[in-house]
Amino acid sequence: MKRSPLQVKHYHFSHLALTARPDFDIERLAGSEPYPSFAGTELKHDVTLAEPADEDDPTQFAVILSVQCEPEEGSPFPYSFAAEMEGIFEIEDEGPLEARKRLVVVNGASVLLGALREQLLALSARHKYGPFLLPCLDFRTLVAKPEAAAPEDA
């Protein structure tokens, strides 16, 4: 198996809060699913990329991932939560800087989300409504698409 050109050097949480919703009807959890549903529940997320200001061609980047969930009344999801993580990544790829940044944002955020998923699963396992599993998110939409060339005047 080949190593990825992107390696995580370190990550940590800067904020993590999980609250059982006081208005939640526990009867809504009855069913065959092992975890509560996120159906109709909005997950807000934000990803920030930082690079060293003093380097023209950096290989280390910081990725900050924020994820929040504040379900509306009537939602089938029994918790609200907010988390922010910071990760330091190093990329060995020698491609163009913009391509490396895209790889760091998409894959770095995915790595951090996996760590957050495990932390929330462990934390919620001892909460009032039991464990939940954070769904996968598609971070490819964070990558800016190349702008189309402007049509030339005829």
C-alpha atoms as a PDB file:
ATOM      1  CA  MET A   1       0.000   0.000   0.000  1.00  0.00           C
ATOM      2  CA  LYS A   2       1.267   3.451  -0.905  1.00  0.00           C
ATOM      3  CA  ARG A   3       1.415   6.297   1.641  1.00  0.00           C
ATOM      4  CA  SER A   4      -0.694   9.347   0.916  1.00  0.00           C
ATOM      5  CA  PRO A   5       1.216  12.514   0.020  1.00  0.00           C
ATOM      6  CA  LEU A   6      -0.837  14.184   2.786  1.00  0.00           C
ATOM      7  CA  GLN A   7       0.056  13.274   6.357  1.00  0.00           C
ATOM      8  CA  VAL A   8      -1.514  14.488   9.577  1.00  0.00           C
ATOM      9  CA  LYS A   9       1.132  15.677  12.038  1.00  0.00           C
ATOM     10  CA  HIS A  10      -1.157  16.631  14.911  1.00  0.00           C
ATOM     11  CA  TYR A  11      -4.753  17.501  15.732  1.00  0.00           C
ATOM     12  CA  HIS A  12      -6.636  18.719  18.770  1.00  0.00           C
ATOM     13  CA  PHE A  13     -10.010  20.079  19.799  1.00  0.00           C
ATOM     14  CA  SER A  14     -10.383  23.749  20.635  1.00  0.00           C
ATOM     15  CA  HIS A  15     -14.102  23.393  21.432  1.00  0.00           C
ATOM     16  CA  LEU A  16     -16.403  20.415  22.026  1.00  0.00           C
ATOM     17  CA  ALA A  17     -19.904  20.607  23.509  1.00  0.00           C
ATOM     18  CA  LEU A  18     -22.688  18.020  23.464  1.00  0.00           C
ATOM     19  CA  THR A  19     -26.123  18.613  24.988  1.00  0.00           C
ATOM     20  CA  ALA A  20     -29.145  16.332  25.257  1.00  0.00           C
ATOM     21  CA  ARG A  21     -32.130  18.331  23.990  1.00  0.00           C
ATOM     22  CA  PRO A  22     -34.528  18.990  26.906  1.00  0.00           C
ATOM     23  CA  ASP A  23     -37.559  19.171  24.577  1.00  0.00           C
ATOM     24  CA  PHE A  24     -36.879  15.790  22.917  1.00  0.00           C
ATOM     25  CA  ASP A  25     -39.516  13.037  23.170  1.00  0.00           C
ATOM     26  CA  ILE A  26     -37.650   9.806  23.967  1.00  0.00           C
ATOM     27  CA  GLU A  27     -40.452   7.805  22.306  1.00  0.00           C
ATOM     28  CA  ARG A  28     -39.061   9.033  18.972  1.00  0.00           C
ATOM     29  CA  LEU A  29     -36.026   6.791  19.453  1.00  0.00           C
ATOM     30  CA  ALA A  30     -38.097   3.594  19.343  1.00  0.00           C
ATOM     31  CA  GLY A  31     -37.214   1.601  16.238  1.00  0.00           C
ATOM     32  CA  SER A  32     -34.732  -0.738  14.700  1.00  0.00           C
ATOM     33  CA  GLU A  33     -31.969   1.737  13.860  1.00  0.00           C
ATOM     34  CA  PRO A  34     -28.894   1.542  16.084  1.00  0.00           C
ATOM     35  CA  TYR A  35     -28.413   5.338  16.083  1.00  0.00           C
ATOM     36  CA  PRO A  36     -30.738   8.365  15.979  1.00  0.00           C
ATOM     37  CA  SER A  37     -31.495   9.753  12.534  1.00  0.00           C
ATOM     38  CA  PHE A  38     -30.112  13.025  11.195  1.00  0.00           C
ATOM     39  CA  ALA A  39     -33.012  13.180   8.692  1.00  0.00           C
ATOM     40  CA  GLY A  40     -34.169  16.766   8.343  1.00  0.00           C
ATOM     41  CA  THR A  41     -31.412  17.962  10.680  1.00  0.00           C
ATOM     42  CA  GLU A  42     -28.996  20.534   9.335  1.00  0.00           C
ATOM     43  CA  LEU A  43     -25.302  20.178  10.049  1.00  0.00           C
ATOM     44  CA  LYS A  44     -23.451  23.459   9.664  1.00  0.00           C
ATOM     45  CA  HIS A  45     -19.767  23.206   8.933  1.00  0.00           C
ATOM     46  CA  ASP A  46     -16.903  25.489   8.096  1.00  0.00           C
ATOM     47  CA  VAL A  47     -13.359  24.695   6.986  1.00  0.00           C
ATOM     48  CA  THR A  48     -10.492  27.174   7.141  1.00  0.00           C
ATOM     49  CA  LEU A  49      -7.058  26.662   5.624  1.00  0.00           C
ATOM     50  CA  ALA A  50      -4.012  28.478   6.993  1.00  0.00           C
ATOM     51  CA  GLU A  51      -0.493  28.437   5.648  1.00  0.00           C
ATOM     52  CA  PRO A  52       2.758  29.951   6.860  1.00  0.00           C
ATOM     53  CA  ALA A  53       2.893  33.615   5.831  1.00  0.00           C
ATOM     54  CA  ASP A  54       6.649  33.578   5.342  1.00  0.00           C
ATOM     55  CA  GLU A  55       6.808  30.734   2.799  1.00  0.00           C
ATOM     56  CA  ASP A  56       6.276  31.059  -0.943  1.00  0.00           C
ATOM     57  CA  ASP A  57       5.844  27.305  -1.445  1.00  0.00           C
ATOM     58  CA  PRO A  58       4.626  25.810   1.871  1.00  0.00           C
ATOM     59  CA  THR A  59       4.355  22.103   2.607  1.00  0.00           C
ATOM     60  CA  GLN A  60       2.674  22.451   6.024  1.00  0.00           C
ATOM     61  CA  PHE A  61      -0.863  23.723   6.476  1.00  0.00           C
ATOM     62  CA  ALA A  62      -3.330  24.094   9.312  1.00  0.00           C
ATOM     63  CA  VAL A  63      -6.934  23.047   8.760  1.00  0.00           C
ATOM     64  CA  ILE A  64      -9.664  24.213  11.135  1.00  0.00           C
ATOM     65  CA  LEU A  65     -12.957  22.313  11.032  1.00  0.00           C
ATOM     66  CA  SER A  66     -16.073  23.602  12.792  1.00  0.00           C
ATOM     67  CA  VAL A  67     -19.287  21.557  12.940  1.00  0.00           C
ATOM     68  CA  GLN A  68     -22.524  22.626  14.628  1.00  0.00           C
ATOM     69  CA  CYS A  69     -25.931  21.013  14.975  1.00  0.00           C
ATOM     70  CA  GLU A  70     -28.939  22.814  16.485  1.00  0.00           C
ATOM     71  CA  PRO A  71     -31.988  20.698  15.575  1.00  0.00           C
ATOM     72  CA  GLU A  72     -35.340  22.403  15.173  1.00  0.00           C
ATOM     73  CA  GLU A  73     -38.263  21.414  17.371  1.00  0.00           C
ATOM     74  CA  GLY A  74     -39.721  18.138  16.123  1.00  0.00           C
ATOM     75  CA  SER A  75     -36.419  16.907  14.700  1.00  0.00           C
ATOM     76  CA  PRO A  76     -35.737  13.177  15.178  1.00  0.00           C
ATOM     77  CA  PHE A  77     -32.214  13.990  16.404  1.00  0.00           C
ATOM     78  CA  PRO A  78     -31.959  14.178  20.234  1.00  0.00           C
ATOM     79  CA  TYR A  79     -28.781  16.242  20.691  1.00  0.00           C
ATOM     80  CA  SER A  80     -27.302  19.610  19.889  1.00  0.00           C
ATOM     81  CA  PHE A  81     -23.540  19.937  19.593  1.00  0.00           C
ATOM     82  CA  ALA A  82     -20.726  22.212  18.506  1.00  0.00           C
ATOM     83  CA  ALA A  83     -17.118  21.312  17.860  1.00  0.00           C
ATOM     84  CA  GLU A  84     -13.990  22.929  16.487  1.00  0.00           C
ATOM     85  CA  MET A  85     -10.812  21.045  15.649  1.00  0.00           C
ATOM     86  CA  GLU A  86      -7.444  22.120  14.375  1.00  0.00           C
ATOM     87  CA  GLY A  87      -5.123  19.856  12.434  1.00  0.00           C
ATOM     88  CA  ILE A  88      -1.582  20.296  11.145  1.00  0.00           C
ATOM     89  CA  PHE A  89      -0.930  18.570   7.828  1.00  0.00           C
ATOM     90  CA  GLU A  90       2.175  18.114   5.740  1.00  0.00           C
ATOM     91  CA  ILE A  91       2.050  17.442   2.026  1.00  0.00           C
ATOM     92  CA  GLU A  92       4.903  15.855   0.101  1.00  0.00           C
ATOM     93  CA  ASP A  93       3.377  16.387  -3.323  1.00  0.00           C
ATOM     94  CA  GLU A  94       5.349  18.670  -5.620  1.00  0.00           C
ATOM     95  CA  GLY A  95       2.397  19.777  -7.749  1.00  0.00           C
ATOM     96  CA  PRO A  96       1.106  23.329  -8.105  1.00  0.00           C
ATOM     97  CA  LEU A  97       0.357  25.140  -4.846  1.00  0.00           C
ATOM     98  CA  GLU A  98      -3.390  25.525  -5.591  1.00  0.00           C
ATOM     99  CA  ALA A  99      -3.719  21.782  -6.264  1.00  0.00           C
ATOM    100  CA  ARG A 100      -1.954  21.014  -2.982  1.00  0.00           C
ATOM    101  CA  LYS A 101      -4.262  23.389  -1.114  1.00  0.00           C
ATOM    102  CA  ARG A 102      -7.312  21.624  -2.600  1.00  0.00           C
ATOM    103  CA  LEU A 103      -5.952  18.259  -1.481  1.00  0.00           C
ATOM    104  CA  VAL A 104      -5.260  19.566   2.024  1.00  0.00           C
ATOM    105  CA  VAL A 105      -8.723  21.125   2.387  1.00  0.00           C
ATOM    106  CA  VAL A 106     -10.737  18.151   1.117  1.00  0.00           C
ATOM    107  CA  ASN A 107      -8.692  15.340   2.646  1.00  0.00           C
ATOM    108  CA  GLY A 108      -7.644  17.222   5.776  1.00  0.00           C
ATOM    109  CA  ALA A 109     -11.240  18.118   6.640  1.00  0.00           C
ATOM    110  CA  SER A 110     -12.235  14.480   6.027  1.00  0.00           C
ATOM    111  CA  VAL A 111      -9.519  13.235   8.394  1.00  0.00           C
ATOM    112  CA  LEU A 112     -10.631  15.676  11.094  1.00  0.00           C
ATOM    113  CA  LEU A 113     -14.293  14.745  10.621  1.00  0.00           C
ATOM    114  CA  GLY A 114     -13.416  11.076  11.201  1.00  0.00           C
ATOM    115  CA  ALA A 115     -11.713  11.979  14.475  1.00  0.00           C
ATOM    116  CA  LEU A 116     -14.698  14.117  15.481  1.00  0.00           C
ATOM    117  CA  ARG A 117     -17.111  11.285  14.607  1.00  0.00           C
ATOM    118  CA  GLU A 118     -15.286   8.901  16.941  1.00  0.00           C
ATOM    119  CA  GLN A 119     -15.107  11.456  19.753  1.00  0.00           C
ATOM    120  CA  LEU A 120     -18.824  12.260  19.532  1.00  0.00           C
ATOM    121  CA  LEU A 121     -19.704   8.556  19.379  1.00  0.00           C
ATOM    122  CA  ALA A 122     -17.722   7.895  22.557  1.00  0.00           C
ATOM    123  CA  LEU A 123     -19.052  10.989  24.318  1.00  0.00           C
ATOM    124  CA  SER A 124     -22.694  10.375  23.415  1.00  0.00           C
ATOM    125  CA  ALA A 125     -22.511   6.721  24.496  1.00  0.00           C
ATOM    126  CA  ARG A 126     -22.908   7.868  28.112  1.00  0.00           C
ATOM    127  CA  HIS A 127     -25.495  10.562  27.381  1.00  0.00           C
ATOM    128  CA  LYS A 128     -29.223  10.400  28.062  1.00  0.00           C
ATOM    129  CA  TYR A 129     -30.332   9.262  24.589  1.00  0.00           C
ATOM    130  CA  GLY A 130     -27.402   6.977  23.816  1.00  0.00           C
ATOM    131  CA  PRO A 131     -24.748   7.086  21.115  1.00  0.00           C
ATOM    132  CA  PHE A 132     -25.004   8.657  17.686  1.00  0.00           C
ATOM    133  CA  LEU A 133     -22.888   8.394  14.579  1.00  0.00           C
ATOM    134  CA  LEU A 134     -22.035  11.608  12.755  1.00  0.00           C
ATOM    135  CA  PRO A 135     -22.796  11.227   9.027  1.00  0.00           C
ATOM    136  CA  CYS A 136     -20.165  11.596   6.333  1.00  0.00           C
ATOM    137  CA  LEU A 137     -19.877  15.026   4.719  1.00  0.00           C
ATOM    138  CA  ASP A 138     -18.765  15.822   1.184  1.00  0.00           C
ATOM    139  CA  PHE A 139     -15.995  18.416   1.351  1.00  0.00           C
ATOM    140  CA  ARG A 140     -15.371  18.442  -2.405  1.00  0.00           C
ATOM    141  CA  THR A 141     -17.794  21.350  -2.680  1.00  0.00           C
ATOM    142  CA  LEU A 142     -15.328  23.491  -0.715  1.00  0.00           C
ATOM    143  CA  VAL A 143     -12.934  23.424  -3.647  1.00  0.00           C
ATOM    144  CA  ALA A 144     -13.374  26.475  -5.829  1.00  0.00           C
ATOM    145  CA  LYS A 145     -14.151  25.534  -9.400  1.00  0.00           C
ATOM    146  CA  PRO A 146     -12.030  27.189 -12.065  1.00  0.00           C
ATOM    147  CA  GLU A 147     -13.675  30.278 -13.485  1.00  0.00           C
ATOM    148  CA  ALA A 148     -14.893  29.972 -17.063  1.00  0.00           C
ATOM    149  CA  ALA A 149     -13.069  32.135 -19.526  1.00  0.00           C
ATOM    150  CA  ALA A 150     -14.949  35.301 -20.348  1.00  0.00           C
ATOM    151  CA  PRO A 151     -16.319  35.312 -23.900  1.00  0.00           C
ATOM    152  CA  GLU A 152     -14.407  37.601 -26.203  1.00  0.00           C
ATOM    153  CA  ASP A 153     -16.226  40.556 -27.717  1.00  0.00           C
ATOM    154  CA  ALA A 154     -17.108  39.982 -31.356  1.00  0.00           C
END
